[in-house]
Amino acid sequence: MSNDRYEIINKAFRIILPSLAEYIGKTLFEYNEKAWWNLYVLDKLGEKSTKTLPKAGSFEDCINNLDIHACLLIIIRNWENIFKHKMKTRQLNYVHLLLDIRNEVSHVTTGALKEISDEYVEHALDTMKLFMQPISQDIAKQIFEIKKSAFNVNDEPIKVHAEKDKNNMSLIDMIRTVGMSTFVKYYDTLEKASINDIVNILEKNEKYTVNTRSTKALTGKRIFRNNLQRQALGIISSANNVDENIKKKAIEIIKMKGEILESNKSPNVVDKKGKDNTKYFFNGKLLGKTPLVRAVIKEYIKNNNNMTLDELQKKFPGELQHYKGYKFCVIENIIEEYAEAERINGKRFNMKDTVVLKSGQNIVICNQWGIGNINKFIDRARELEFEITVQA
């Protein structure tokens, strides 16, 4: 039966591929007619994924050579500049889920087939249907017909979900979906096992419903895929509504993984002198305002290492810092001339913590952050899809 289940999923992928490839091609073509294939397909996918793709050709020749793996990667790697403006956020979440599913069912020899459940197949088909609805209602209906034929389910309306759905989640939403105790109890399983294996383990050990097992498995894997697991542990360890044993276990895992928090207690918002001491969770660490800004900018540079200072300053404009008449750049170049060095000295920028860009430019990051401007920076960071959680 496993063979049949694999074939059902792969058949559904084959059905959505032509429409998806055409949609991607048209979107990229509209964005840059002359260089859409080279800049946003070949350059983004890398050498390994482009071995079978043509270096040039007609529009039809190009899109007809895309496979489902390439299509999903193209959306992910061009999300910020292109597809973010064409799709809802939930569509990106569906893309990541489908990439996980595709990786589990593709390139597996018959002798190496893992047992996958009916609920896993149904979840895969539901995800494809929801993903394709805004792109092609006809293809979405075809996917449902496959599910209907395979599992004898009753007909159901094809409709686009409300803007707030279970896959359009913040980290807090994801933790709640998995469950704090479940996340801690099955931490190693969520980290190392396949989605199907996680579902089977939950079925064996917990009294969850069929849909709940799949949802917890997929959401838990998503936390790890987005490298948010230690941040999730930090949130759990500081939560007020969780068993103390679970909090202690979360802290043990954090220490074991080498990510010891600066504090295991929630910091006070305001100290006796009236100073705001709010802390923020980012990438598994509890940070103050200035360390948070440095960490976010460094992470952005790490993920976008070809950017110049001018490009970074457009991503993090000076207006984010401006507060009560203080107007400094968020990011600045180190200038050797005395006058400029005096202006951007260590009182305003952290001169001991410089970053060298790929362009060769040596930059410093402003250290003037307080309650009056940090929220503007956090809002910008979240627009760039960084997960930041306030800990009061």
Protein backbone atom coordinates (compact mmCIF):
# COMPACT_ATOMS: atom_id res chain seq x y z
CA MET A 1 0.00 0.00 0.00
CA SER A 2 2.94 2.38 0.64
CA ASN A 3 3.76 2.27 -3.06
CA ASP A 4 0.23 3.38 -3.87
CA ARG A 5 0.38 6.22 -1.35
CA TYR A 6 3.68 7.49 -2.78
CA GLU A 7 2.18 7.37 -6.27
CA ILE A 8 -0.88 9.37 -5.19
CA ILE A 9 1.32 12.20 -3.91
CA ASN A 10 3.65 12.13 -6.91
CA LYS A 11 0.67 12.09 -9.28
CA ALA A 12 -0.69 15.21 -7.58
CA PHE A 13 2.70 16.91 -7.93
CA ARG A 14 2.71 16.06 -11.65
CA ILE A 15 -0.73 17.65 -12.03
CA ILE A 16 0.18 20.94 -10.36
CA LEU A 17 3.60 21.28 -12.06
CA PRO A 18 2.59 22.72 -15.50
CA SER A 19 0.33 25.42 -14.06
CA LEU A 20 2.78 26.28 -11.30
CA ALA A 21 5.75 26.50 -13.68
CA GLU A 22 3.76 28.75 -16.04
CA TYR A 23 2.68 31.00 -13.15
CA ILE A 24 6.27 31.30 -11.91
CA GLY A 25 7.58 32.01 -15.41
CA LYS A 26 5.00 34.72 -16.10
CA THR A 27 5.62 36.36 -12.73
CA LEU A 28 9.39 36.48 -13.26
CA PHE A 29 8.98 37.57 -16.91
CA GLU A 30 6.78 40.49 -15.84
CA TYR A 31 9.37 41.49 -13.25
CA ASN A 32 12.34 41.44 -15.64
CA GLU A 33 11.59 40.51 -19.22
CA LYS A 34 15.20 40.44 -20.39
CA ALA A 35 16.92 38.59 -17.57
CA TRP A 36 14.16 36.66 -15.77
CA TRP A 37 15.62 33.23 -16.50
CA ASN A 38 19.28 33.99 -15.74
CA LEU A 39 18.83 36.19 -12.67
CA TYR A 40 15.86 34.61 -10.92
CA VAL A 41 16.11 30.96 -11.94
CA LEU A 42 19.67 29.93 -12.86
CA ASP A 43 21.44 32.27 -10.43
CA LYS A 44 19.05 31.54 -7.57
CA LEU A 45 18.98 27.75 -7.90
CA GLY A 46 22.72 27.19 -8.08
CA GLU A 47 24.80 24.74 -10.10
CA LYS A 48 23.45 21.49 -8.64
CA SER A 49 19.80 22.32 -9.32
CA THR A 50 20.37 23.74 -12.80
CA LYS A 51 22.30 20.90 -14.44
CA THR A 52 19.25 19.82 -16.46
CA LEU A 53 18.01 23.33 -17.22
CA PRO A 54 18.73 25.18 -20.48
CA LYS A 55 21.01 28.19 -20.33
CA ALA A 56 18.63 30.03 -22.68
CA GLY A 57 15.63 29.36 -24.88
CA SER A 58 12.04 30.31 -25.53
CA PHE A 59 9.67 30.94 -22.63
CA GLU A 60 8.01 27.55 -23.22
CA ASP A 61 11.32 25.70 -23.43
CA CYS A 62 12.43 27.19 -20.14
CA ILE A 63 9.33 26.57 -18.02
CA ASN A 64 8.79 23.09 -19.49
CA ASN A 65 12.15 22.04 -18.06
CA LEU A 66 11.30 23.04 -14.48
CA ASP A 67 10.48 20.27 -12.01
CA ILE A 68 8.45 20.67 -8.83
CA HIS A 69 11.55 20.96 -6.65
CA ALA A 70 12.92 23.81 -8.76
CA CYS A 71 9.56 25.60 -8.77
CA LEU A 72 9.28 25.55 -4.99
CA LEU A 73 12.87 26.73 -4.53
CA ILE A 74 12.40 29.57 -7.02
CA ILE A 75 9.49 30.93 -4.99
CA ILE A 76 11.42 30.68 -1.71
CA ARG A 77 14.60 32.29 -3.03
CA ASN A 78 12.78 35.11 -4.82
CA TRP A 79 10.19 35.67 -2.10
CA GLU A 80 11.45 38.93 -0.64
CA ASN A 81 11.80 40.86 -3.91
CA ILE A 82 9.14 39.29 -6.14
CA PHE A 83 6.66 36.69 -4.88
CA LYS A 84 5.99 38.43 -1.57
CA HIS A 85 4.14 41.05 -3.61
CA LYS A 86 2.16 38.47 -5.60
CA MET A 87 1.17 35.94 -2.94
CA LYS A 88 -0.23 35.90 0.57
CA THR A 89 2.14 34.96 3.38
CA ARG A 90 0.35 31.65 3.85
CA GLN A 91 1.39 30.66 0.31
CA LEU A 92 5.04 30.72 1.34
CA ASN A 93 4.20 28.51 4.30
CA TYR A 94 2.49 26.04 1.95
CA VAL A 95 5.58 26.09 -0.27
CA HIS A 96 7.82 25.07 2.64
CA LEU A 97 5.41 22.30 3.63
CA LEU A 98 5.28 21.01 0.05
CA LEU A 99 9.07 21.07 -0.19
CA ASP A 100 9.24 18.90 2.93
CA ILE A 101 6.68 16.50 1.46
CA ARG A 102 8.41 16.39 -1.91
CA ASN A 103 11.75 15.58 -0.27
CA GLU A 104 10.17 12.70 1.64
CA VAL A 105 8.45 11.04 -1.33
CA SER A 106 10.90 11.68 -4.17
CA HIS A 107 13.95 9.69 -5.24
CA VAL A 108 13.09 6.76 -2.98
CA THR A 109 13.73 3.28 -4.37
CA THR A 110 11.02 0.66 -3.98
CA GLY A 111 13.07 -1.35 -1.51
CA ALA A 112 13.66 1.72 0.66
CA LEU A 113 10.02 2.86 0.85
CA LYS A 114 8.93 3.97 4.30
CA GLU A 115 5.41 3.26 5.43
CA ILE A 116 3.38 6.47 5.11
CA SER A 117 -0.12 6.80 6.48
CA ASP A 118 -3.37 7.73 4.80
CA GLU A 119 -3.53 10.86 6.95
CA TYR A 120 -0.11 11.93 5.66
CA VAL A 121 -1.32 11.55 2.06
CA GLU A 122 -4.52 13.46 2.81
CA HIS A 123 -2.55 16.26 4.44
CA ALA A 124 -0.24 16.44 1.41
CA LEU A 125 -3.20 16.67 -0.97
CA ASP A 126 -4.93 19.29 1.19
CA THR A 127 -1.76 21.40 1.23
CA MET A 128 -1.44 21.20 -2.57
CA LYS A 129 -5.10 22.13 -3.00
CA LEU A 130 -4.84 25.16 -0.70
CA PHE A 131 -1.59 26.28 -2.32
CA MET A 132 -3.00 26.06 -5.86
CA GLN A 133 -6.37 27.73 -5.22
CA PRO A 134 -5.13 31.31 -5.86
CA ILE A 135 -3.12 30.11 -8.88
CA SER A 136 -5.61 27.76 -10.57
CA GLN A 137 -9.01 26.80 -9.19
CA ASP A 138 -9.23 24.08 -11.83
CA ILE A 139 -6.01 22.41 -10.67
CA ALA A 140 -7.13 22.73 -7.04
CA LYS A 141 -10.34 20.88 -7.94
CA GLN A 142 -8.33 18.17 -9.71
CA ILE A 143 -6.26 17.64 -6.55
CA PHE A 144 -9.42 17.29 -4.50
CA GLU A 145 -10.76 14.76 -7.01
CA ILE A 146 -7.64 12.65 -6.40
CA LYS A 147 -8.31 12.78 -2.66
CA LYS A 148 -11.99 12.01 -3.22
CA SER A 149 -11.16 9.00 -5.37
CA ALA A 150 -8.45 7.64 -3.09
CA PHE A 151 -10.25 8.01 0.23
CA ASN A 152 -13.95 8.11 -0.69
CA VAL A 153 -14.42 11.44 1.05
CA ASN A 154 -17.55 13.49 0.57
CA ASP A 155 -17.47 16.50 -1.69
CA GLU A 156 -16.44 19.76 -0.09
CA PRO A 157 -16.40 23.35 -1.32
CA ILE A 158 -13.17 24.69 -2.73
CA LYS A 159 -12.60 28.02 -1.10
CA VAL A 160 -9.69 30.19 -0.13
CA HIS A 161 -9.20 30.19 3.62
CA ALA A 162 -9.48 33.35 5.64
CA GLU A 163 -6.35 35.45 5.85
CA LYS A 164 -5.62 34.16 9.34
CA ASP A 165 -5.21 30.40 9.01
CA LYS A 166 -3.23 27.71 10.77
CA ASN A 167 -0.20 28.03 8.46
CA ASN A 168 0.10 31.82 8.70
CA MET A 169 1.80 31.69 12.07
CA SER A 170 4.19 33.58 14.25
CA LEU A 171 6.61 31.55 16.37
CA ILE A 172 4.25 31.93 19.34
CA ASP A 173 1.40 30.50 17.22
CA MET A 174 3.58 27.59 16.14
CA ILE A 175 4.58 26.77 19.73
CA ARG A 176 0.95 26.82 20.79
CA THR A 177 0.01 24.56 17.89
CA VAL A 178 2.65 21.98 18.76
CA GLY A 179 2.09 22.45 22.49
CA MET A 180 4.87 23.53 24.86
CA SER A 181 5.04 20.19 26.67
CA THR A 182 4.87 18.26 23.37
CA PHE A 183 7.66 20.35 21.86
CA VAL A 184 9.96 19.74 24.84
CA LYS A 185 9.01 16.06 25.27
CA TYR A 186 9.57 15.23 21.60
CA TYR A 187 12.38 17.73 20.91
CA ASP A 188 14.85 15.15 19.57
CA THR A 189 12.14 13.41 17.55
CA LEU A 190 11.02 16.67 15.93
CA GLU A 191 14.64 17.53 15.17
CA LYS A 192 15.75 14.23 13.65
CA ALA A 193 12.74 12.17 12.48
CA SER A 194 10.76 12.51 9.27
CA ILE A 195 7.27 13.97 9.38
CA ASN A 196 5.73 10.57 8.81
CA ASP A 197 7.79 8.99 11.62
CA ILE A 198 6.77 11.80 13.98
CA VAL A 199 3.11 11.19 13.16
CA ASN A 200 3.54 7.48 13.89
CA ILE A 201 5.30 8.15 17.22
CA LEU A 202 2.56 10.56 18.31
CA GLU A 203 -0.07 8.01 17.31
CA LYS A 204 1.64 5.39 19.47
CA ASN A 205 2.25 7.55 22.55
CA GLU A 206 -0.45 10.25 22.61
CA LYS A 207 -4.24 10.40 22.34
CA TYR A 208 -4.25 13.03 19.62
CA THR A 209 -6.73 12.93 16.74
CA VAL A 210 -5.56 12.12 13.23
CA ASN A 211 -5.52 15.76 12.11
CA THR A 212 -3.87 16.93 15.32
CA ARG A 213 -0.97 14.49 14.91
CA SER A 214 -0.25 15.72 11.38
CA THR A 215 -0.57 19.38 12.35
CA LYS A 216 1.78 19.03 15.33
CA ALA A 217 4.34 17.07 13.27
CA LEU A 218 4.38 19.52 10.35
CA THR A 219 4.45 22.61 12.57
CA GLY A 220 7.17 21.16 14.80
CA LYS A 221 9.36 20.39 11.79
CA ARG A 222 8.76 23.89 10.50
CA ILE A 223 10.18 25.38 13.71
CA PHE A 224 13.39 23.39 13.17
CA ARG A 225 13.50 24.11 9.45
CA ASN A 226 13.39 27.85 10.19
CA ASN A 227 16.10 27.42 12.87
CA LEU A 228 13.76 28.73 15.57
CA GLN A 229 14.02 25.76 17.93
CA ARG A 230 16.25 27.40 20.54
CA GLN A 231 14.21 30.57 20.46
CA ALA A 232 11.15 28.40 21.04
CA LEU A 233 12.86 26.76 24.02
CA GLY A 234 13.68 30.19 25.42
CA ILE A 235 10.05 31.25 25.20
CA ILE A 236 8.90 28.03 26.88
CA SER A 237 11.47 28.38 29.67
CA SER A 238 10.11 31.86 30.51
CA ALA A 239 6.40 31.13 30.08
CA ASN A 240 4.09 31.60 33.05
CA ASN A 241 1.50 29.01 32.05
CA VAL A 242 3.65 25.90 31.73
CA ASP A 243 4.61 23.21 34.22
CA GLU A 244 7.88 23.90 36.06
CA ASN A 245 9.28 20.50 35.05
CA ILE A 246 8.74 21.37 31.38
CA LYS A 247 10.50 24.72 31.88
CA LYS A 248 13.44 23.01 33.58
CA LYS A 249 13.67 20.47 30.76
CA ALA A 250 13.64 23.28 28.18
CA ILE A 251 16.52 24.99 29.97
CA GLU A 252 18.45 21.70 30.13
CA ILE A 253 18.08 21.27 26.36
CA ILE A 254 19.22 24.85 25.76
CA LYS A 255 22.35 24.28 27.85
CA MET A 256 23.01 20.92 26.23
CA LYS A 257 22.82 22.50 22.77
CA GLY A 258 25.24 25.23 23.79
CA GLU A 259 22.78 28.10 23.78
CA ILE A 260 22.67 29.21 27.42
CA LEU A 261 20.29 32.09 27.98
CA GLU A 262 21.53 35.27 29.62
CA SER A 263 18.72 34.82 32.15
CA ASN A 264 16.28 32.07 33.01
CA LYS A 265 13.84 34.56 34.46
CA SER A 266 11.71 37.17 32.76
CA PRO A 267 13.44 40.56 33.10
CA ASN A 268 11.73 43.53 34.69
CA VAL A 269 10.41 46.07 32.19
CA VAL A 270 11.37 49.04 34.35
CA ASP A 271 13.99 49.13 37.09
CA LYS A 272 13.97 51.29 40.23
CA LYS A 273 15.49 54.22 38.33
CA GLY A 274 12.77 54.10 35.69
CA LYS A 275 15.00 52.60 33.01
CA ASP A 276 13.32 50.26 30.55
CA ASN A 277 14.96 46.82 30.70
CA THR A 278 12.73 44.91 28.32
CA LYS A 279 14.48 41.91 26.75
CA TYR A 280 13.84 40.25 23.41
CA PHE A 281 14.22 36.68 22.20
CA PHE A 282 16.00 36.36 18.86
CA ASN A 283 17.70 33.25 17.47
CA GLY A 284 17.45 31.50 20.82
CA LYS A 285 19.07 34.28 22.85
CA LEU A 286 17.66 36.83 25.27
CA LEU A 287 18.96 40.25 24.25
CA GLY A 288 18.74 43.88 25.22
CA LYS A 289 17.89 46.57 22.68
CA THR A 290 21.32 47.36 21.23
CA PRO A 291 22.48 43.70 21.14
CA LEU A 292 19.20 42.86 19.41
CA VAL A 293 19.81 45.45 16.68
CA ARG A 294 23.37 44.18 16.15
CA ALA A 295 22.21 40.54 16.03
CA VAL A 296 19.44 41.23 13.50
CA ILE A 297 21.65 43.27 11.18
CA LYS A 298 24.47 40.71 11.35
CA GLU A 299 22.02 37.91 10.57
CA TYR A 300 20.64 39.90 7.62
CA ILE A 301 24.16 40.48 6.29
CA LYS A 302 24.93 36.78 6.72
CA ASN A 303 21.86 35.86 4.64
CA ASN A 304 22.49 38.59 2.04
CA ASN A 305 26.27 38.75 1.88
CA ASN A 306 26.51 40.55 -1.47
CA MET A 307 24.88 43.75 -0.22
CA THR A 308 26.73 47.06 -0.15
CA LEU A 309 26.51 49.68 2.57
CA ASP A 310 24.11 51.78 0.46
CA GLU A 311 21.79 48.79 0.01
CA LEU A 312 21.89 47.97 3.72
CA GLN A 313 21.10 51.56 4.63
CA LYS A 314 18.01 51.36 2.42
CA LYS A 315 16.92 48.19 4.21
CA PHE A 316 17.60 49.78 7.62
CA PRO A 317 17.10 53.52 7.04
CA GLY A 318 18.13 56.16 9.54
CA GLU A 319 14.48 56.99 10.29
CA LEU A 320 14.31 53.79 12.33
CA GLN A 321 16.75 55.29 14.85
CA HIS A 322 15.54 58.89 14.94
CA TYR A 323 14.11 59.81 18.34
CA LYS A 324 13.78 63.06 20.33
CA GLY A 325 16.05 64.97 17.99
CA TYR A 326 18.76 62.29 17.86
CA LYS A 327 19.38 61.42 14.23
CA PHE A 328 22.02 58.79 13.51
CA CYS A 329 22.33 56.23 10.75
CA VAL A 330 21.51 52.68 11.79
CA ILE A 331 24.60 51.48 9.89
CA GLU A 332 27.64 53.60 9.04
CA ASN A 333 30.98 53.23 7.31
CA ILE A 334 34.17 53.66 9.32
CA ILE A 335 35.83 56.83 8.02
CA GLU A 336 39.48 57.46 8.87
CA GLU A 337 39.29 61.27 8.73
CA TYR A 338 39.28 62.74 12.24
CA ALA A 339 36.11 64.81 11.84
CA GLU A 340 34.04 61.87 10.70
CA ALA A 341 35.58 59.54 13.23
CA GLU A 342 34.70 62.05 15.96
CA ARG A 343 31.09 62.12 14.74
CA ILE A 344 30.69 58.34 14.69
CA ASN A 345 32.79 57.55 17.73
CA GLY A 346 32.09 54.85 20.28
CA LYS A 347 29.50 57.02 22.03
CA ARG A 348 27.13 56.57 19.10
CA PHE A 349 28.44 53.47 17.31
CA ASN A 350 30.08 50.31 18.58
CA MET A 351 33.56 50.79 17.15
CA LYS A 352 34.86 47.52 18.59
CA ASP A 353 32.25 45.41 16.82
CA THR A 354 32.77 46.03 13.12
CA VAL A 355 31.55 44.02 10.16
CA VAL A 356 33.42 43.74 6.87
CA LEU A 357 31.10 43.45 3.88
CA LYS A 358 31.92 41.40 0.81
CA SER A 359 32.43 44.72 -1.01
CA GLY A 360 35.30 45.43 1.39
CA GLN A 361 33.43 48.16 3.25
CA ASN A 362 33.94 48.13 7.01
CA ILE A 363 30.76 49.07 8.87
CA VAL A 364 29.65 49.82 12.42
CA ILE A 365 26.17 49.67 13.93
CA CYS A 366 24.49 52.39 15.95
CA ASN A 367 24.15 51.74 19.70
CA GLN A 368 21.57 54.46 20.44
CA TRP A 369 18.42 52.43 21.08
CA GLY A 370 15.73 52.91 23.67
CA ILE A 371 12.02 52.51 24.26
CA GLY A 372 11.33 55.40 21.88
CA ASN A 373 12.81 53.83 18.75
CA ILE A 374 13.33 50.09 19.27
CA ASN A 375 9.78 49.20 18.24
CA LYS A 376 10.30 50.85 14.85
CA PHE A 377 13.36 48.70 14.32
CA ILE A 378 11.54 45.54 15.43
CA ASP A 379 8.65 46.28 13.06
CA ARG A 380 11.17 46.60 10.21
CA ALA A 381 12.92 43.38 11.22
CA ARG A 382 9.59 41.54 11.20
CA GLU A 383 8.84 42.93 7.73
CA LEU A 384 12.08 41.21 6.71
CA GLU A 385 10.63 38.01 8.25
CA PHE A 386 12.74 37.85 11.40
CA GLU A 387 11.07 36.34 14.46
CA ILE A 388 11.46 38.57 17.54
CA THR A 389 9.55 37.96 20.75
CA VAL A 390 9.23 40.50 23.54
CA GLN A 391 9.84 39.14 27.03
CA ALA A 392 8.41 41.39 29.75
